[in-house]
Amino acid sequence: MASYHARSNSLPSRQHPISSQIDENLNRLRSSQSASTSSSIVQNLNGLQDLHEYVEMLLQLPQSQQALAQEQQRKCVEQLLDGSLMLLDVCSIAKDALLQTKEKSVKKAICKALKNLKNMENKDGENGDVISILRQVEAVTVNVLESLLSFISGPEAESKLSRWSKLMHQKRVTSAEDEIKNEIANAEATLRSFTKSENAKNVENVQNELQNSEECIQDLEQGLESLYRRLIKARVNVLNIVNC
């Protein structure tokens, strides 16, 4: 359509409907980047899936492909590809952590993943609309994964590893309400209390908490798996563009 012509022969206009949808999704995710409950994190994971779906559409535009294929953009594209590998690695760590939430080694893996995410933040330079959009998408993906990893590790691990706060965009303040809504940590606390008291009356509470934790983990796993597939598709699309 004439009203959506690119401003040049290589860059799609920010008024393009796909770019507008990406901006809308970016703003929505930025406004909820401090999410600390399972429901809000699952919602953000679903939001990331929508965002990456529009990114896939963006990468199909001839203007976008021309922009990414330019020789002067080679370094920026390589940085984006390196970043996509890092995000895939962090997603894998998060998926493993959900399966082993009580393993001490998982805490170390999460801490390492958070450090890797920190290294991806604050990249300088504006190199055209396509590169800028992809970097913004990467940034909000990092934010959501940071929230997820902190949620999995639970409030106790967060307090023990206070240095994590330096890795976040904004220091997360854990309120009593947040702790109650962390199904994973709450189930572990209830189970510890039960093993100490051995009170049969607490059996039902333990069962309820474990069920809530299991449902929470399942929702997060589904969201992570979908995001992982989206990240792979985006990486393959960019590789196909630059290797044409």
Foldseek 3Di string as FASTA:
>chain_A
DVVFDAPDQAAGDCPHPLNVVLVVLLVVLVVCLLDQFLVSLLVSLVSLLVNLVSLLVVLPDPNPLRLLQDPVCVVLLVLLLVLLVLLLVLLVLLLVCLVVLPDPVSLVVLLVSLVSLLVLPDDDDDRGDSSVSSSSSSNSSSSSSLSSSDLSNAPVSCVVPVVSLVSHPHRRDDDPVSNVRSLNNVLVVLVVVCVVVVDPVSPVVNVVSVVVSVVSSVSVNVSSVSSSVSSVSSSVSSVVSNVD
